[in-house]
Amino acid sequence: ALRPAGSGVRVEVVAPLGLGTAPAS
C-alpha cells in the first residue's frame, strides 16, 4: 500500500504477512 509521506512515498507491506526480518514499511 502506497501513501504520500511529506516529500516522499510511504510503503507498507500488506501481503504476505510474516516477512521475518524484512521491514514492514
PDB file of all heavy atoms in Angstrom:
ATOM      1  N   ALA A   1       0.865  -1.179   0.000  1.00  0.00           N
ATOM      2  CA  ALA A   1       0.000   0.000   0.000  1.00  0.00           C
ATOM      3  C   ALA A   1       0.901   1.228   0.000  1.00  0.00           C
ATOM      4  O   ALA A   1       1.882   1.287   0.748  1.00  0.00           O
ATOM      5  CB  ALA A   1      -0.906  -0.007   1.224  1.00  0.00           C
ATOM      6  N   LEU A   2       0.579   2.199  -0.852  1.00  0.00           N
ATOM      7  CA  LEU A   2       1.400   3.390  -1.009  1.00  0.00           C
ATOM      8  C   LEU A   2       0.588   4.622  -0.612  1.00  0.00           C
ATOM      9  O   LEU A   2      -0.579   4.764  -0.997  1.00  0.00           O
ATOM     10  CB  LEU A   2       1.866   3.531  -2.460  1.00  0.00           C
ATOM     11  CG  LEU A   2       2.552   2.312  -3.078  1.00  0.00           C
ATOM     12  CD1 LEU A   2       2.892   2.566  -4.535  1.00  0.00           C
ATOM     13  CD2 LEU A   2       3.803   1.947  -2.287  1.00  0.00           C
ATOM     14  N   ARG A   3       1.249   5.532   0.139  1.00  0.00           N
ATOM     15  CA  ARG A   3       0.625   6.786   0.542  1.00  0.00           C
ATOM     16  C   ARG A   3       1.668   7.895   0.474  1.00  0.00           C
ATOM     17  O   ARG A   3       2.869   7.631   0.586  1.00  0.00           O
ATOM     18  CB  ARG A   3       0.089   6.685   1.979  1.00  0.00           C
ATOM     19  CG  ARG A   3      -0.993   5.647   2.177  1.00  0.00           C
ATOM     20  CD  ARG A   3      -1.438   5.588   3.630  1.00  0.00           C
ATOM     21  NE  ARG A   3      -2.464   4.576   3.834  1.00  0.00           N
ATOM     22  CZ  ARG A   3      -2.209   3.283   4.054  1.00  0.00           C
ATOM     23  NH1 ARG A   3      -0.960   2.849   4.079  1.00  0.00           N
ATOM     24  NH2 ARG A   3      -3.206   2.441   4.224  1.00  0.00           N
ATOM     25  N   PRO A   4       1.236   9.143   0.316  1.00  0.00           N
ATOM     26  CA  PRO A   4       2.200  10.249   0.387  1.00  0.00           C
ATOM     27  C   PRO A   4       2.756  10.362   1.794  1.00  0.00           C
ATOM     28  O   PRO A   4       2.057  10.112   2.782  1.00  0.00           O
ATOM     29  CB  PRO A   4       1.358  11.478   0.024  1.00  0.00           C
ATOM     30  CG  PRO A   4       0.093  10.959  -0.574  1.00  0.00           C
ATOM     31  CD  PRO A   4      -0.136   9.616   0.028  1.00  0.00           C
ATOM     32  N   ALA A   5       4.016  10.745   1.873  1.00  0.00           N
ATOM     33  CA  ALA A   5       4.670  10.958   3.177  1.00  0.00           C
ATOM     34  C   ALA A   5       5.590  12.153   3.032  1.00  0.00           C
ATOM     35  O   ALA A   5       6.761  12.001   2.679  1.00  0.00           O
ATOM     36  CB  ALA A   5       5.428   9.715   3.615  1.00  0.00           C
ATOM     37  N   GLY A   6       5.056  13.361   3.269  1.00  0.00           N
ATOM     38  CA  GLY A   6       5.859  14.563   3.085  1.00  0.00           C
ATOM     39  C   GLY A   6       6.255  14.708   1.631  1.00  0.00           C
ATOM     40  O   GLY A   6       5.415  14.769   0.741  1.00  0.00           O
ATOM     41  N   SER A   7       7.543  14.714   1.383  1.00  0.00           N
ATOM     42  CA  SER A   7       8.052  14.832   0.014  1.00  0.00           C
ATOM     43  C   SER A   7       8.411  13.476  -0.567  1.00  0.00           C
ATOM     44  O   SER A   7       9.162  13.397  -1.539  1.00  0.00           O
ATOM     45  CB  SER A   7       9.279  15.751  -0.018  1.00  0.00           C
ATOM     46  OG  SER A   7      10.297  15.221   0.827  1.00  0.00           O
ATOM     47  N   GLY A   8       7.894  12.416   0.020  1.00  0.00           N
ATOM     48  CA  GLY A   8       8.227  11.085  -0.457  1.00  0.00           C
ATOM     49  C   GLY A   8       7.025  10.173  -0.506  1.00  0.00           C
ATOM     50  O   GLY A   8       5.880  10.597  -0.473  1.00  0.00           O
ATOM     51  N   VAL A   9       7.322   8.860  -0.601  1.00  0.00           N
ATOM     52  CA  VAL A   9       6.301   7.819  -0.720  1.00  0.00           C
ATOM     53  C   VAL A   9       6.483   6.847   0.437  1.00  0.00           C
ATOM     54  O   VAL A   9       7.586   6.320   0.648  1.00  0.00           O
ATOM     55  CB  VAL A   9       6.427   7.064  -2.058  1.00  0.00           C
ATOM     56  CG1 VAL A   9       5.337   6.004  -2.176  1.00  0.00           C
ATOM     57  CG2 VAL A   9       6.386   8.023  -3.230  1.00  0.00           C
ATOM     58  N   ARG A  10       5.424   6.606   1.186  1.00  0.00           N
ATOM     59  CA  ARG A  10       5.470   5.629   2.264  1.00  0.00           C
ATOM     60  C   ARG A  10       4.952   4.297   1.743  1.00  0.00           C
ATOM     61  O   ARG A  10       3.891   4.221   1.123  1.00  0.00           O
ATOM     62  CB  ARG A  10       4.634   6.080   3.452  1.00  0.00           C
ATOM     63  CG  ARG A  10       4.657   5.077   4.615  1.00  0.00           C
ATOM     64  CD  ARG A  10       3.950   5.632   5.832  1.00  0.00           C
ATOM     65  NE  ARG A  10       3.933   4.681   6.928  1.00  0.00           N
ATOM     66  CZ  ARG A  10       4.952   4.433   7.744  1.00  0.00           C
ATOM     67  NH1 ARG A  10       6.099   5.103   7.569  1.00  0.00           N
ATOM     68  NH2 ARG A  10       4.858   3.553   8.712  1.00  0.00           N
ATOM     69  N   VAL A  11       5.711   3.240   1.995  1.00  0.00           N
ATOM     70  CA  VAL A  11       5.379   1.896   1.518  1.00  0.00           C
ATOM     71  C   VAL A  11       5.053   1.018   2.716  1.00  0.00           C
ATOM     72  O   VAL A  11       5.855   0.918   3.656  1.00  0.00           O
ATOM     73  CB  VAL A  11       6.554   1.276   0.738  1.00  0.00           C
ATOM     74  CG1 VAL A  11       6.159  -0.094   0.190  1.00  0.00           C
ATOM     75  CG2 VAL A  11       7.019   2.200  -0.365  1.00  0.00           C
ATOM     76  N   GLU A  12       3.906   0.366   2.686  1.00  0.00           N
ATOM     77  CA  GLU A  12       3.525  -0.591   3.722  1.00  0.00           C
ATOM     78  C   GLU A  12       3.245  -1.939   3.074  1.00  0.00           C
ATOM     79  O   GLU A  12       2.474  -2.019   2.112  1.00  0.00           O
ATOM     80  CB  GLU A  12       2.288  -0.113   4.475  1.00  0.00           C
ATOM     81  CG  GLU A  12       2.518   1.165   5.271  1.00  0.00           C
ATOM     82  CD  GLU A  12       1.290   1.575   6.055  1.00  0.00           C
ATOM     83  OE1 GLU A  12       0.300   0.808   6.033  1.00  0.00           O
ATOM     84  OE2 GLU A  12       1.305   2.661   6.655  1.00  0.00           O
ATOM     85  N   VAL A  13       3.867  -2.970   3.604  1.00  0.00           N
ATOM     86  CA  VAL A  13       3.642  -4.319   3.082  1.00  0.00           C
ATOM     87  C   VAL A  13       2.316  -4.838   3.635  1.00  0.00           C
ATOM     88  O   VAL A  13       2.103  -4.864   4.838  1.00  0.00           O
ATOM     89  CB  VAL A  13       4.794  -5.258   3.489  1.00  0.00           C
ATOM     90  CG1 VAL A  13       4.518  -6.678   3.010  1.00  0.00           C
ATOM     91  CG2 VAL A  13       6.116  -4.754   2.920  1.00  0.00           C
ATOM     92  N   VAL A  14       1.436  -5.240   2.734  1.00  0.00           N
ATOM     93  CA  VAL A  14       0.127  -5.763   3.161  1.00  0.00           C
ATOM     94  C   VAL A  14      -0.015  -7.251   2.866  1.00  0.00           C
ATOM     95  O   VAL A  14      -0.920  -7.904   3.390  1.00  0.00           O
ATOM     96  CB  VAL A  14      -1.019  -4.978   2.485  1.00  0.00           C
ATOM     97  CG1 VAL A  14      -1.021  -3.536   2.973  1.00  0.00           C
ATOM     98  CG2 VAL A  14      -0.918  -5.020   0.972  1.00  0.00           C
ATOM     99  N   ALA A  15       0.859  -7.803   2.036  1.00  0.00           N
ATOM    100  CA  ALA A  15       0.843  -9.248   1.776  1.00  0.00           C
ATOM    101  C   ALA A  15       2.179  -9.627   1.143  1.00  0.00           C
ATOM    102  O   ALA A  15       2.727  -8.866   0.357  1.00  0.00           O
ATOM    103  CB  ALA A  15      -0.311  -9.627   0.843  1.00  0.00           C
ATOM    104  N   PRO A  16       2.713 -10.795   1.495  1.00  0.00           N
ATOM    105  CA  PRO A  16       2.219 -11.691   2.545  1.00  0.00           C
ATOM    106  C   PRO A  16       2.642 -11.206   3.922  1.00  0.00           C
ATOM    107  O   PRO A  16       3.569 -10.386   4.035  1.00  0.00           O
ATOM    108  CB  PRO A  16       2.884 -13.017   2.182  1.00  0.00           C
ATOM    109  CG  PRO A  16       4.190 -12.603   1.575  1.00  0.00           C
ATOM    110  CD  PRO A  16       3.903 -11.330   0.824  1.00  0.00           C
ATOM    111  N   LEU A  17       1.988 -11.667   4.943  1.00  0.00           N
ATOM    112  CA  LEU A  17       2.343 -11.319   6.309  1.00  0.00           C
ATOM    113  C   LEU A  17       3.490 -12.197   6.777  1.00  0.00           C
ATOM    114  O   LEU A  17       3.733 -13.277   6.241  1.00  0.00           O
ATOM    115  CB  LEU A  17       1.125 -11.507   7.226  1.00  0.00           C
ATOM    116  CG  LEU A  17      -0.099 -10.656   6.873  1.00  0.00           C
ATOM    117  CD1 LEU A  17      -1.261 -11.001   7.799  1.00  0.00           C
ATOM    118  CD2 LEU A  17       0.242  -9.180   6.952  1.00  0.00           C
ATOM    119  N   GLY A  18       4.205 -11.734   7.775  1.00  0.00           N
ATOM    120  CA  GLY A  18       5.283 -12.539   8.353  1.00  0.00           C
ATOM    121  C   GLY A  18       6.503 -12.603   7.452  1.00  0.00           C
ATOM    122  O   GLY A  18       6.895 -13.673   6.994  1.00  0.00           O
ATOM    123  N   LEU A  19       7.115 -11.441   7.197  1.00  0.00           N
ATOM    124  CA  LEU A  19       8.276 -11.408   6.311  1.00  0.00           C
ATOM    125  C   LEU A  19       9.591 -11.574   7.058  1.00  0.00           C
ATOM    126  O   LEU A  19      10.654 -11.316   6.517  1.00  0.00           O
ATOM    127  CB  LEU A  19       8.293 -10.079   5.546  1.00  0.00           C
ATOM    128  CG  LEU A  19       7.198  -9.927   4.493  1.00  0.00           C
ATOM    129  CD1 LEU A  19       7.246  -8.541   3.895  1.00  0.00           C
ATOM    130  CD2 LEU A  19       7.333 -10.971   3.415  1.00  0.00           C
ATOM    131  N   GLY A  20       9.533 -11.978   8.309  1.00  0.00           N
ATOM    132  CA  GLY A  20      10.761 -12.176   9.058  1.00  0.00           C
ATOM    133  C   GLY A  20      11.461 -10.861   9.326  1.00  0.00           C
ATOM    134  O   GLY A  20      10.902  -9.948   9.945  1.00  0.00           O
ATOM    135  N   THR A  21      12.695 -10.722   8.851  1.00  0.00           N
ATOM    136  CA  THR A  21      13.482  -9.517   9.115  1.00  0.00           C
ATOM    137  C   THR A  21      13.218  -8.400   8.129  1.00  0.00           C
ATOM    138  O   THR A  21      13.765  -7.323   8.248  1.00  0.00           O
ATOM    139  CB  THR A  21      14.984  -9.861   9.069  1.00  0.00           C
ATOM    140  OG1 THR A  21      15.273 -10.388   7.764  1.00  0.00           O
ATOM    141  CG2 THR A  21      15.347 -10.888  10.126  1.00  0.00           C
ATOM    142  N   ALA A  22      12.385  -8.622   7.115  1.00  0.00           N
ATOM    143  CA  ALA A  22      12.100  -7.575   6.138  1.00  0.00           C
ATOM    144  C   ALA A  22      11.300  -6.459   6.795  1.00  0.00           C
ATOM    145  O   ALA A  22      10.464  -6.710   7.667  1.00  0.00           O
ATOM    146  CB  ALA A  22      11.319  -8.153   4.969  1.00  0.00           C
ATOM    147  N   PRO A  23      11.547  -5.206   6.426  1.00  0.00           N
ATOM    148  CA  PRO A  23      10.815  -4.094   7.042  1.00  0.00           C
ATOM    149  C   PRO A  23       9.340  -4.133   6.666  1.00  0.00           C
ATOM    150  O   PRO A  23       8.979  -4.485   5.554  1.00  0.00           O
ATOM    151  CB  PRO A  23      11.498  -2.858   6.439  1.00  0.00           C
ATOM    152  CG  PRO A  23      12.066  -3.336   5.143  1.00  0.00           C
ATOM    153  CD  PRO A  23      12.481  -4.754   5.384  1.00  0.00           C
ATOM    154  N   ALA A  24       8.490  -3.798   7.641  1.00  0.00           N
ATOM    155  CA  ALA A  24       7.057  -3.764   7.369  1.00  0.00           C
ATOM    156  C   ALA A  24       6.690  -2.532   6.565  1.00  0.00           C
ATOM    157  O   ALA A  24       5.660  -2.509   5.899  1.00  0.00           O
ATOM    158  CB  ALA A  24       6.281  -3.788   8.677  1.00  0.00           C
ATOM    159  N   SER A  25       7.523  -1.500   6.620  1.00  0.00           N
ATOM    160  CA  SER A  25       7.255  -0.289   5.857  1.00  0.00           C
ATOM    161  C   SER A  25       8.558   0.463   5.651  1.00  0.00           C
ATOM    162  O   SER A  25       9.531   0.256   6.372  1.00  0.00           O
ATOM    163  CB  SER A  25       6.236   0.602   6.578  1.00  0.00           C
ATOM    164  OG  SER A  25       6.783   1.104   7.777  1.00  0.00           O
TER     165      SER A  25
END
